[in-house]
Amino acid sequence: MIAEKITKLPDNVQELIKLKNDNCLSVIEMLKMLGDFENEERNKIEVPPFKSKPSLKNYVASPDELRKLADEIEEWQEYRKKRDAIIKKKVNAAPNMNDICEEFIKIESGLKDKVPSKYQDKVYRLAREFGSGHSGVYVYLLDLINIFE
């Protein structure tokens, strides 16, 4: 039976490889499923809409208007801190995702087996520079590894 979607991020790359092999998936299919999982996790977290920082309507303001503005700015700063924390949580909705994907790509592409260790980081960085997304990095990395065969 082929898994239709990932409901939990594997704890390590070995579990990810086992999941791929058990379900007869290609690396690209597995990376797509991981991307879909990450998007679903991020979409579960709702970010409040952006609010502009309060400002004076006129250049000349009374002391009452200035006190009101100070209160509004203080409220806005609290709102902004909470919103920033939610954004950070949303970005990190699938912790360790990039680390697991990176290791998975390195293993599945043959980088660790076919490329001398002193060149592996450079080759991977080059693939990341020119590849777009995890699948793009993987495909570009396959082309680069052919140089070493």
C-alpha atoms as a PDB file:
ATOM      1  CA  MET A   1       0.000   0.000   0.000  1.00  0.00           C
ATOM      2  CA  ILE A   2       1.359   3.410  -0.934  1.00  0.00           C
ATOM      3  CA  ALA A   3       1.115   6.118   1.683  1.00  0.00           C
ATOM      4  CA  GLU A   4      -0.953   9.028   0.438  1.00  0.00           C
ATOM      5  CA  LYS A   5       0.421  11.542   2.889  1.00  0.00           C
ATOM      6  CA  ILE A   6       2.683  11.888   5.869  1.00  0.00           C
ATOM      7  CA  THR A   7       0.866  12.526   9.136  1.00  0.00           C
ATOM      8  CA  LYS A   8       3.969  12.736  11.335  1.00  0.00           C
ATOM      9  CA  LEU A   9       7.491  13.818  10.496  1.00  0.00           C
ATOM     10  CA  PRO A  10       9.883  10.884  10.866  1.00  0.00           C
ATOM     11  CA  ASP A  11      12.284  11.319  13.783  1.00  0.00           C
ATOM     12  CA  ASN A  12      15.354  10.670  11.662  1.00  0.00           C
ATOM     13  CA  VAL A  13      16.530  10.042   8.129  1.00  0.00           C
ATOM     14  CA  GLN A  14      16.594   6.256   8.599  1.00  0.00           C
ATOM     15  CA  GLU A  15      12.836   6.267   9.322  1.00  0.00           C
ATOM     16  CA  LEU A  16      12.316   8.451   6.248  1.00  0.00           C
ATOM     17  CA  ILE A  17      14.272   6.052   4.025  1.00  0.00           C
ATOM     18  CA  LYS A  18      12.309   3.109   5.447  1.00  0.00           C
ATOM     19  CA  LEU A  19       9.020   4.924   4.753  1.00  0.00           C
ATOM     20  CA  LYS A  20      10.151   5.599   1.171  1.00  0.00           C
ATOM     21  CA  ASN A  21      11.213   2.006   0.604  1.00  0.00           C
ATOM     22  CA  ASP A  22       8.180   0.430   2.323  1.00  0.00           C
ATOM     23  CA  ASN A  23       5.845   2.462   0.101  1.00  0.00           C
ATOM     24  CA  CYS A  24       7.904   2.088  -3.100  1.00  0.00           C
ATOM     25  CA  LEU A  25       8.178   5.855  -3.505  1.00  0.00           C
ATOM     26  CA  SER A  26      10.740   7.771  -5.503  1.00  0.00           C
ATOM     27  CA  VAL A  27      12.893  10.383  -3.791  1.00  0.00           C
ATOM     28  CA  ILE A  28      10.957  13.144  -5.582  1.00  0.00           C
ATOM     29  CA  GLU A  29       7.603  11.701  -4.405  1.00  0.00           C
ATOM     30  CA  MET A  30       8.929  11.488  -0.858  1.00  0.00           C
ATOM     31  CA  LEU A  31      10.217  15.074  -0.950  1.00  0.00           C
ATOM     32  CA  LYS A  32       6.851  16.260  -2.309  1.00  0.00           C
ATOM     33  CA  MET A  33       5.044  14.473   0.507  1.00  0.00           C
ATOM     34  CA  LEU A  34       7.375  16.081   3.034  1.00  0.00           C
ATOM     35  CA  GLY A  35       6.731  19.495   1.494  1.00  0.00           C
ATOM     36  CA  ASP A  36       2.967  18.901   1.630  1.00  0.00           C
ATOM     37  CA  PHE A  37       3.271  17.835   5.272  1.00  0.00           C
ATOM     38  CA  GLU A  38       5.250  20.972   6.121  1.00  0.00           C
ATOM     39  CA  ASN A  39       2.677  23.183   4.370  1.00  0.00           C
ATOM     40  CA  GLU A  40      -0.196  21.493   6.217  1.00  0.00           C
ATOM     41  CA  GLU A  41       1.561  22.004   9.545  1.00  0.00           C
ATOM     42  CA  ARG A  42       2.168  25.669   8.739  1.00  0.00           C
ATOM     43  CA  ASN A  43      -1.430  26.179   7.608  1.00  0.00           C
ATOM     44  CA  LYS A  44      -2.672  24.981  10.994  1.00  0.00           C
ATOM     45  CA  ILE A  45      -1.173  28.138  12.526  1.00  0.00           C
ATOM     46  CA  GLU A  46      -3.129  31.284  11.794  1.00  0.00           C
ATOM     47  CA  VAL A  47      -1.244  34.578  11.833  1.00  0.00           C
ATOM     48  CA  PRO A  48      -3.237  37.671  12.799  1.00  0.00           C
ATOM     49  CA  PRO A  49      -3.499  40.266  10.030  1.00  0.00           C
ATOM     50  CA  PHE A  50      -0.886  42.986   9.872  1.00  0.00           C
ATOM     51  CA  LYS A  51      -1.710  46.231  11.652  1.00  0.00           C
ATOM     52  CA  SER A  52       0.121  49.457  10.982  1.00  0.00           C
ATOM     53  CA  LYS A  53       1.819  51.244  13.834  1.00  0.00           C
ATOM     54  CA  PRO A  54      -0.391  54.065  15.163  1.00  0.00           C
ATOM     55  CA  SER A  55       0.700  57.577  14.297  1.00  0.00           C
ATOM     56  CA  LEU A  56      -0.463  61.145  14.707  1.00  0.00           C
ATOM     57  CA  LYS A  57      -3.067  62.394  12.298  1.00  0.00           C
ATOM     58  CA  ASN A  58      -1.802  65.979  12.548  1.00  0.00           C
ATOM     59  CA  TYR A  59       1.624  67.403  13.217  1.00  0.00           C
ATOM     60  CA  VAL A  60       0.220  69.436  16.092  1.00  0.00           C
ATOM     61  CA  ALA A  61      -1.239  67.332  18.904  1.00  0.00           C
ATOM     62  CA  SER A  62      -2.640  68.070  22.317  1.00  0.00           C
ATOM     63  CA  PRO A  63      -1.271  66.352  25.436  1.00  0.00           C
ATOM     64  CA  ASP A  64      -4.389  64.139  25.502  1.00  0.00           C
ATOM     65  CA  GLU A  65      -3.821  63.076  21.902  1.00  0.00           C
ATOM     66  CA  LEU A  66      -0.170  62.296  22.698  1.00  0.00           C
ATOM     67  CA  ARG A  67      -1.149  60.176  25.740  1.00  0.00           C
ATOM     68  CA  LYS A  68      -3.728  58.330  23.630  1.00  0.00           C
ATOM     69  CA  LEU A  69      -1.123  57.738  20.931  1.00  0.00           C
ATOM     70  CA  ALA A  70       1.364  56.462  23.522  1.00  0.00           C
ATOM     71  CA  ASP A  71      -1.253  53.985  24.790  1.00  0.00           C
ATOM     72  CA  GLU A  72      -2.058  52.871  21.238  1.00  0.00           C
ATOM     73  CA  ILE A  73       1.636  52.360  20.460  1.00  0.00           C
ATOM     74  CA  GLU A  74       2.087  50.349  23.636  1.00  0.00           C
ATOM     75  CA  GLU A  75      -0.859  48.120  22.672  1.00  0.00           C
ATOM     76  CA  TRP A  76       0.522  47.826  19.141  1.00  0.00           C
ATOM     77  CA  GLN A  77       3.944  46.764  20.473  1.00  0.00           C
ATOM     78  CA  GLU A  78       2.332  43.960  22.512  1.00  0.00           C
ATOM     79  CA  TYR A  79       0.303  42.908  19.473  1.00  0.00           C
ATOM     80  CA  ARG A  80       3.468  42.946  17.342  1.00  0.00           C
ATOM     81  CA  LYS A  81       5.399  40.766  19.839  1.00  0.00           C
ATOM     82  CA  LYS A  82       2.579  38.196  19.885  1.00  0.00           C
ATOM     83  CA  ARG A  83       2.267  38.275  16.077  1.00  0.00           C
ATOM     84  CA  ASP A  84       6.037  37.847  15.631  1.00  0.00           C
ATOM     85  CA  ALA A  85       6.004  34.859  18.018  1.00  0.00           C
ATOM     86  CA  ILE A  86       3.175  33.260  15.999  1.00  0.00           C
ATOM     87  CA  ILE A  87       5.075  33.857  12.744  1.00  0.00           C
ATOM     88  CA  LYS A  88       8.174  32.230  14.242  1.00  0.00           C
ATOM     89  CA  LYS A  89       6.067  29.274  15.376  1.00  0.00           C
ATOM     90  CA  LYS A  90       4.569  28.988  11.886  1.00  0.00           C
ATOM     91  CA  VAL A  91       7.999  29.032  10.215  1.00  0.00           C
ATOM     92  CA  ASN A  92       9.156  26.273  12.581  1.00  0.00           C
ATOM     93  CA  ALA A  93       5.924  24.243  12.314  1.00  0.00           C
ATOM     94  CA  ALA A  94       7.872  21.148  11.270  1.00  0.00           C
ATOM     95  CA  PRO A  95      11.082  21.323  13.318  1.00  0.00           C
ATOM     96  CA  ASN A  96      14.100  19.430  11.988  1.00  0.00           C
ATOM     97  CA  MET A  97      12.424  19.194   8.572  1.00  0.00           C
ATOM     98  CA  ASN A  98      15.284  20.826   6.688  1.00  0.00           C
ATOM     99  CA  ASP A  99      17.927  18.798   8.530  1.00  0.00           C
ATOM    100  CA  ILE A 100      16.164  15.510   7.785  1.00  0.00           C
ATOM    101  CA  CYS A 101      15.517  16.459   4.143  1.00  0.00           C
ATOM    102  CA  GLU A 102      19.109  17.569   3.641  1.00  0.00           C
ATOM    103  CA  GLU A 103      20.492  14.320   5.044  1.00  0.00           C
ATOM    104  CA  PHE A 104      17.935  12.300   3.046  1.00  0.00           C
ATOM    105  CA  ILE A 105      18.951  14.069  -0.181  1.00  0.00           C
ATOM    106  CA  LYS A 106      22.652  13.525   0.509  1.00  0.00           C
ATOM    107  CA  ILE A 107      22.150   9.802   1.107  1.00  0.00           C
ATOM    108  CA  GLU A 108      19.666   9.138  -1.707  1.00  0.00           C
ATOM    109  CA  SER A 109      21.647  11.098  -4.311  1.00  0.00           C
ATOM    110  CA  GLY A 110      24.795   9.135  -3.579  1.00  0.00           C
ATOM    111  CA  LEU A 111      26.706  12.236  -2.479  1.00  0.00           C
ATOM    112  CA  LYS A 112      28.172  10.412   0.529  1.00  0.00           C
ATOM    113  CA  ASP A 113      29.145   7.348  -1.496  1.00  0.00           C
ATOM    114  CA  LYS A 114      30.355   8.764  -4.812  1.00  0.00           C
ATOM    115  CA  VAL A 115      31.908  12.136  -3.933  1.00  0.00           C
ATOM    116  CA  PRO A 116      35.162  12.371  -1.955  1.00  0.00           C
ATOM    117  CA  SER A 117      34.433  13.750   1.529  1.00  0.00           C
ATOM    118  CA  LYS A 118      36.557  16.855   0.978  1.00  0.00           C
ATOM    119  CA  TYR A 119      34.237  17.946  -1.888  1.00  0.00           C
ATOM    120  CA  GLN A 120      30.854  16.929  -0.454  1.00  0.00           C
ATOM    121  CA  ASP A 121      30.027  20.235   1.252  1.00  0.00           C
ATOM    122  CA  LYS A 122      31.057  22.260  -1.793  1.00  0.00           C
ATOM    123  CA  VAL A 123      29.030  20.092  -4.176  1.00  0.00           C
ATOM    124  CA  TYR A 124      25.974  20.250  -1.925  1.00  0.00           C
ATOM    125  CA  ARG A 125      26.253  24.049  -1.558  1.00  0.00           C
ATOM    126  CA  LEU A 126      26.424  24.370  -5.338  1.00  0.00           C
ATOM    127  CA  ALA A 127      23.292  22.224  -5.721  1.00  0.00           C
ATOM    128  CA  ARG A 128      21.489  24.390  -3.158  1.00  0.00           C
ATOM    129  CA  GLU A 129      22.563  27.537  -4.973  1.00  0.00           C
ATOM    130  CA  PHE A 130      21.143  26.414  -8.317  1.00  0.00           C
ATOM    131  CA  GLY A 131      18.378  24.004  -7.286  1.00  0.00           C
ATOM    132  CA  SER A 132      15.001  25.324  -6.200  1.00  0.00           C
ATOM    133  CA  GLY A 133      13.374  23.591  -3.239  1.00  0.00           C
ATOM    134  CA  HIS A 134      14.343  20.161  -1.952  1.00  0.00           C
ATOM    135  CA  SER A 135      13.426  18.395  -5.192  1.00  0.00           C
ATOM    136  CA  GLY A 136      15.383  20.889  -7.281  1.00  0.00           C
ATOM    137  CA  VAL A 137      18.431  20.487  -5.052  1.00  0.00           C
ATOM    138  CA  TYR A 138      18.176  16.707  -5.390  1.00  0.00           C
ATOM    139  CA  VAL A 139      17.931  16.786  -9.200  1.00  0.00           C
ATOM    140  CA  TYR A 140      20.769  19.283  -9.545  1.00  0.00           C
ATOM    141  CA  LEU A 141      22.870  17.245  -7.110  1.00  0.00           C
ATOM    142  CA  LEU A 142      22.392  14.118  -9.237  1.00  0.00           C
ATOM    143  CA  ASP A 143      23.862  16.000 -12.231  1.00  0.00           C
ATOM    144  CA  LEU A 144      26.813  17.247 -10.182  1.00  0.00           C
ATOM    145  CA  ILE A 145      27.557  13.784  -8.793  1.00  0.00           C
ATOM    146  CA  ASN A 146      27.830  12.416 -12.339  1.00  0.00           C
ATOM    147  CA  ILE A 147      31.072  14.399 -12.603  1.00  0.00           C
ATOM    148  CA  PHE A 148      32.618  12.086 -10.007  1.00  0.00           C
ATOM    149  CA  GLU A 149      31.608   8.825 -11.695  1.00  0.00           C
END
